Amino acid sequence: MADWSPIAKVYDPLKAGSIDGTDVEPHDRAVWRAMGARYKPNKGVVGDPLLTLFVSRLNPQTTEDKLHKVFSKYGDIQRLRLVRDIVTGFSKGYAFIEYKEERSVVRARRDANKLVVDQHEVFVDFEQERTLKGWVPRRLGGGLGGKKESGQLRFGGRDRPFRKPINLGVDPVQERGGGGGGREWDRPSGRAREDRDRHRTRAHKHSQCREI
């Protein structure tokens, strides 16, 4: 538990599919698919991954010019790529923006997340494909996104961090409150509950006898 982190340091599809990263079996087919995937980052992608931001949930009508105008206020942009369908040319709703300086990336990630662009609240984070070991994209069942409607949620990212799991490895004495830090002494033991119930039953019978 000492090295626990709400943000994944290494990508594991099984952990990403778990709300607290402790699942031992996949809860949906997409996780099974991601676990069997052998994904290698796209070698055709250029630029410094440590200076690149991932921007998603864009309005389909948002253009490269609009993105450049919005994100250039955080610093000088080296290159910007709005991902489009190779057949239709329509935007897929996400983009990659590379800055010239590290401080610009940090500032944009901090201030541009949840910014409203063309009536859409955008999500901004560091690029994961080339920086997070073991990365598997959403199209192969991985990623750190997902929809509540489908139930295929992914955890361990900025948008949906892991919840801290219950520590099952504590001292049994402390778990029962014997260490003095718990509140278990407020709760009656099983024997105390039995004695209390027996006393109530006797009192109830006694009151009935008096009424008769």
Protein backbone atom coordinates (compact mmCIF):
# COMPACT_ATOMS: atom_id res chain seq x y z
CA MET A 1 0.00 0.00 0.00
CA ALA A 2 2.98 2.30 0.49
CA ASP A 3 3.50 2.71 -3.26
CA TRP A 4 -0.21 2.99 -4.07
CA SER A 5 -1.13 5.70 -6.56
CA PRO A 6 -4.52 6.79 -7.99
CA ILE A 7 -2.82 7.23 -11.38
CA ALA A 8 -1.40 4.20 -13.18
CA LYS A 9 2.38 4.17 -13.56
CA VAL A 10 2.31 1.08 -15.81
CA TYR A 11 -0.69 0.16 -17.92
CA ASP A 12 -2.41 -3.12 -17.07
CA PRO A 13 -5.77 -3.77 -18.82
CA LEU A 14 -7.02 -5.89 -15.92
CA LYS A 15 -6.27 -3.17 -13.37
CA ALA A 16 -7.62 -0.45 -15.66
CA GLY A 17 -10.91 -2.33 -15.80
CA SER A 18 -11.16 -2.32 -12.00
CA ILE A 19 -12.38 0.57 -9.89
CA ASP A 20 -9.59 0.04 -7.34
CA GLY A 21 -7.11 -1.94 -9.43
CA THR A 22 -7.59 -5.15 -7.45
CA ASP A 23 -9.69 -7.27 -9.84
CA VAL A 24 -8.36 -10.74 -10.59
CA GLU A 25 -10.82 -11.49 -13.42
CA PRO A 26 -11.96 -9.21 -16.28
CA HIS A 27 -15.49 -7.90 -15.93
CA ASP A 28 -16.08 -7.37 -19.66
CA ARG A 29 -14.99 -8.82 -22.99
CA ALA A 30 -13.03 -5.73 -23.96
CA VAL A 31 -10.62 -6.30 -21.07
CA TRP A 32 -10.10 -9.88 -22.25
CA ARG A 33 -9.31 -8.50 -25.70
CA ALA A 34 -6.88 -5.92 -24.35
CA MET A 35 -5.09 -8.52 -22.23
CA GLY A 36 -4.39 -10.56 -25.34
CA ALA A 37 -3.42 -7.59 -27.52
CA ARG A 38 0.17 -7.01 -28.59
CA TYR A 39 0.25 -3.30 -29.31
CA LYS A 40 3.26 -1.28 -30.39
CA PRO A 41 3.18 2.53 -30.55
CA ASN A 42 2.81 4.00 -34.00
CA LYS A 43 6.32 4.59 -35.33
CA GLY A 44 4.95 7.13 -37.78
CA VAL A 45 4.15 9.55 -34.97
CA VAL A 46 6.78 12.28 -34.72
CA GLY A 47 7.62 14.76 -32.01
CA ASP A 48 8.58 14.62 -28.36
CA PRO A 49 6.01 12.59 -26.36
CA LEU A 50 6.97 14.42 -23.16
CA LEU A 51 5.95 17.71 -24.75
CA THR A 52 2.71 16.40 -26.25
CA LEU A 53 -0.83 16.76 -24.96
CA PHE A 54 -3.83 14.58 -25.73
CA VAL A 55 -7.05 16.57 -26.22
CA SER A 56 -10.35 14.72 -26.54
CA ARG A 57 -14.15 15.14 -26.44
CA LEU A 58 -13.92 17.76 -29.13
CA ASN A 59 -16.86 19.06 -31.07
CA PRO A 60 -16.85 17.33 -34.51
CA GLN A 61 -16.98 20.81 -36.04
CA THR A 62 -13.84 22.05 -34.25
CA THR A 63 -11.01 22.71 -36.69
CA GLU A 64 -7.23 22.79 -36.48
CA ASP A 65 -7.28 26.57 -36.65
CA LYS A 66 -9.64 26.81 -33.69
CA LEU A 67 -7.51 24.43 -31.62
CA HIS A 68 -4.37 26.36 -32.47
CA LYS A 69 -6.02 29.62 -31.46
CA VAL A 70 -7.23 28.21 -28.12
CA PHE A 71 -4.10 26.31 -27.09
CA SER A 72 -1.47 28.74 -28.33
CA LYS A 73 -2.24 31.03 -25.38
CA TYR A 74 -0.48 28.52 -23.13
CA GLY A 75 2.75 28.61 -25.14
CA ASP A 76 4.33 28.19 -28.56
CA ILE A 77 3.01 25.15 -30.43
CA GLN A 78 5.48 22.99 -32.32
CA ARG A 79 2.87 20.90 -34.16
CA LEU A 80 -0.81 20.10 -33.92
CA ARG A 81 -2.62 17.05 -35.29
CA LEU A 82 -6.39 16.73 -35.29
CA VAL A 83 -7.14 13.05 -35.91
CA ARG A 84 -9.51 12.54 -38.83
CA ASP A 85 -11.13 9.54 -40.49
CA ILE A 86 -8.95 8.55 -43.46
CA VAL A 87 -12.02 7.87 -45.60
CA THR A 88 -14.50 10.62 -44.75
CA GLY A 89 -12.08 13.23 -43.44
CA PHE A 90 -14.37 13.90 -40.49
CA SER A 91 -12.85 14.67 -37.10
CA LYS A 92 -12.71 11.75 -34.65
CA GLY A 93 -13.00 14.14 -31.73
CA TYR A 94 -9.43 14.11 -30.44
CA ALA A 95 -6.10 15.73 -31.20
CA PHE A 96 -2.42 15.83 -30.20
CA ILE A 97 -0.68 19.11 -29.51
CA GLU A 98 3.11 19.34 -29.13
CA TYR A 99 4.59 22.41 -27.45
CA LYS A 100 8.10 23.79 -27.69
CA GLU A 101 8.62 24.06 -23.93
CA GLU A 102 7.80 21.84 -20.98
CA ARG A 103 6.30 24.66 -18.95
CA SER A 104 3.77 25.25 -21.73
CA VAL A 105 2.66 21.60 -21.61
CA VAL A 106 2.27 21.71 -17.84
CA ARG A 107 0.32 24.96 -17.98
CA ALA A 108 -2.01 23.75 -20.72
CA ARG A 109 -2.70 20.45 -18.93
CA ARG A 110 -3.50 22.30 -15.73
CA ASP A 111 -5.63 25.11 -17.14
CA ALA A 112 -7.20 23.75 -20.35
CA ASN A 113 -8.81 20.63 -18.90
CA LYS A 114 -12.62 20.99 -18.89
CA LEU A 115 -12.33 24.12 -21.01
CA VAL A 116 -15.38 24.67 -23.20
CA VAL A 117 -14.49 24.78 -26.90
CA ASP A 118 -17.32 25.08 -29.44
CA GLN A 119 -19.89 24.15 -26.76
CA HIS A 120 -17.95 21.00 -25.78
CA GLU A 121 -16.08 20.51 -22.50
CA VAL A 122 -12.72 19.04 -23.53
CA PHE A 123 -10.49 16.61 -21.69
CA VAL A 124 -6.74 17.32 -21.61
CA ASP A 125 -3.93 15.08 -20.40
CA PHE A 126 -0.37 14.07 -21.25
CA GLU A 127 0.07 11.68 -24.17
CA GLN A 128 -0.05 8.07 -22.96
CA GLU A 129 0.78 5.96 -26.03
CA ARG A 130 4.53 6.60 -25.96
CA THR A 131 4.97 7.41 -22.28
CA LEU A 132 2.93 4.79 -20.37
CA LYS A 133 4.53 1.35 -20.46
CA GLY A 134 2.21 -1.44 -21.63
CA TRP A 135 -0.30 0.97 -23.19
CA VAL A 136 -3.22 -0.58 -25.12
CA PRO A 137 -5.58 1.82 -26.96
CA ARG A 138 -9.34 1.88 -26.53
CA ARG A 139 -10.00 0.30 -29.92
CA LEU A 140 -8.30 -2.86 -28.63
CA GLY A 141 -10.23 -2.84 -25.36
CA GLY A 142 -7.78 -0.77 -23.33
CA GLY A 143 -7.45 2.95 -22.86
CA LEU A 144 -8.51 5.02 -19.87
CA GLY A 145 -11.91 6.11 -21.11
CA GLY A 146 -15.23 4.36 -21.57
CA LYS A 147 -18.94 5.02 -21.19
CA LYS A 148 -21.16 4.39 -18.19
CA GLU A 149 -23.92 3.19 -20.51
CA SER A 150 -21.83 0.28 -21.80
CA GLY A 151 -20.28 -0.46 -18.43
CA GLN A 152 -16.83 -0.59 -20.02
CA LEU A 153 -15.24 2.00 -17.76
CA ARG A 154 -11.47 2.27 -17.39
CA PHE A 155 -9.68 3.56 -14.31
CA GLY A 156 -6.22 4.73 -13.32
CA GLY A 157 -6.17 7.93 -15.36
CA ARG A 158 -6.67 11.60 -14.64
CA ASP A 159 -10.34 11.51 -15.58
CA ARG A 160 -11.18 8.46 -13.46
CA PRO A 161 -8.46 7.67 -10.89
CA PHE A 162 -8.32 4.43 -8.92
CA ARG A 163 -10.16 4.39 -5.63
CA LYS A 164 -7.98 3.40 -2.73
CA PRO A 165 -8.59 -0.30 -2.01
CA ILE A 166 -9.45 -1.63 1.45
CA ASN A 167 -6.30 -2.81 3.19
CA LEU A 168 -6.99 -6.43 4.07
CA GLY A 169 -3.49 -7.00 5.43
CA VAL A 170 -3.91 -5.14 8.73
CA ASP A 171 -3.33 -6.69 12.15
CA PRO A 172 -6.49 -8.64 13.21
CA VAL A 173 -6.29 -7.02 16.66
CA GLN A 174 -6.33 -3.56 15.12
CA GLU A 175 -9.15 -4.58 12.76
CA ARG A 176 -11.29 -5.48 15.80
CA GLY A 177 -10.46 -2.17 17.45
CA GLY A 178 -8.00 -3.63 19.98
CA GLY A 179 -5.35 -1.15 18.94
CA GLY A 180 -7.27 1.71 20.49
CA GLY A 181 -7.69 3.58 17.20
CA GLY A 182 -10.94 2.01 16.04
CA ARG A 183 -14.56 2.42 17.08
CA GLU A 184 -15.50 -1.25 17.24
CA TRP A 185 -16.03 -0.98 21.01
CA ASP A 186 -19.17 1.05 20.28
CA ARG A 187 -20.76 -2.01 18.70
CA PRO A 188 -22.10 -4.76 21.00
CA SER A 189 -20.60 -8.22 20.57
CA GLY A 190 -22.68 -11.20 19.50
CA ARG A 191 -23.10 -12.39 23.11
CA ALA A 192 -24.03 -8.90 24.26
CA ARG A 193 -26.71 -8.70 21.57
CA GLU A 194 -28.12 -12.07 22.65
CA ASP A 195 -28.27 -10.96 26.29
CA ARG A 196 -29.95 -7.72 25.29
CA ASP A 197 -32.56 -9.51 23.16
CA ARG A 198 -33.21 -12.04 25.95
CA HIS A 199 -33.72 -9.19 28.42
CA ARG A 200 -36.19 -7.50 26.04
CA THR A 201 -38.15 -10.73 25.64
CA ARG A 202 -38.42 -11.18 29.40
CA ALA A 203 -39.51 -7.58 29.87
CA HIS A 204 -42.13 -7.96 27.15
CA LYS A 205 -43.58 -11.13 28.75
CA HIS A 206 -43.61 -9.48 32.16
CA SER A 207 -45.57 -6.50 30.82
CA GLN A 208 -48.11 -8.83 29.21
CA CYS A 209 -48.65 -10.62 32.52
CA ARG A 210 -49.28 -7.31 34.28
CA GLU A 211 -51.85 -6.29 31.65
CA ILE A 212 -53.75 -9.57 32.14
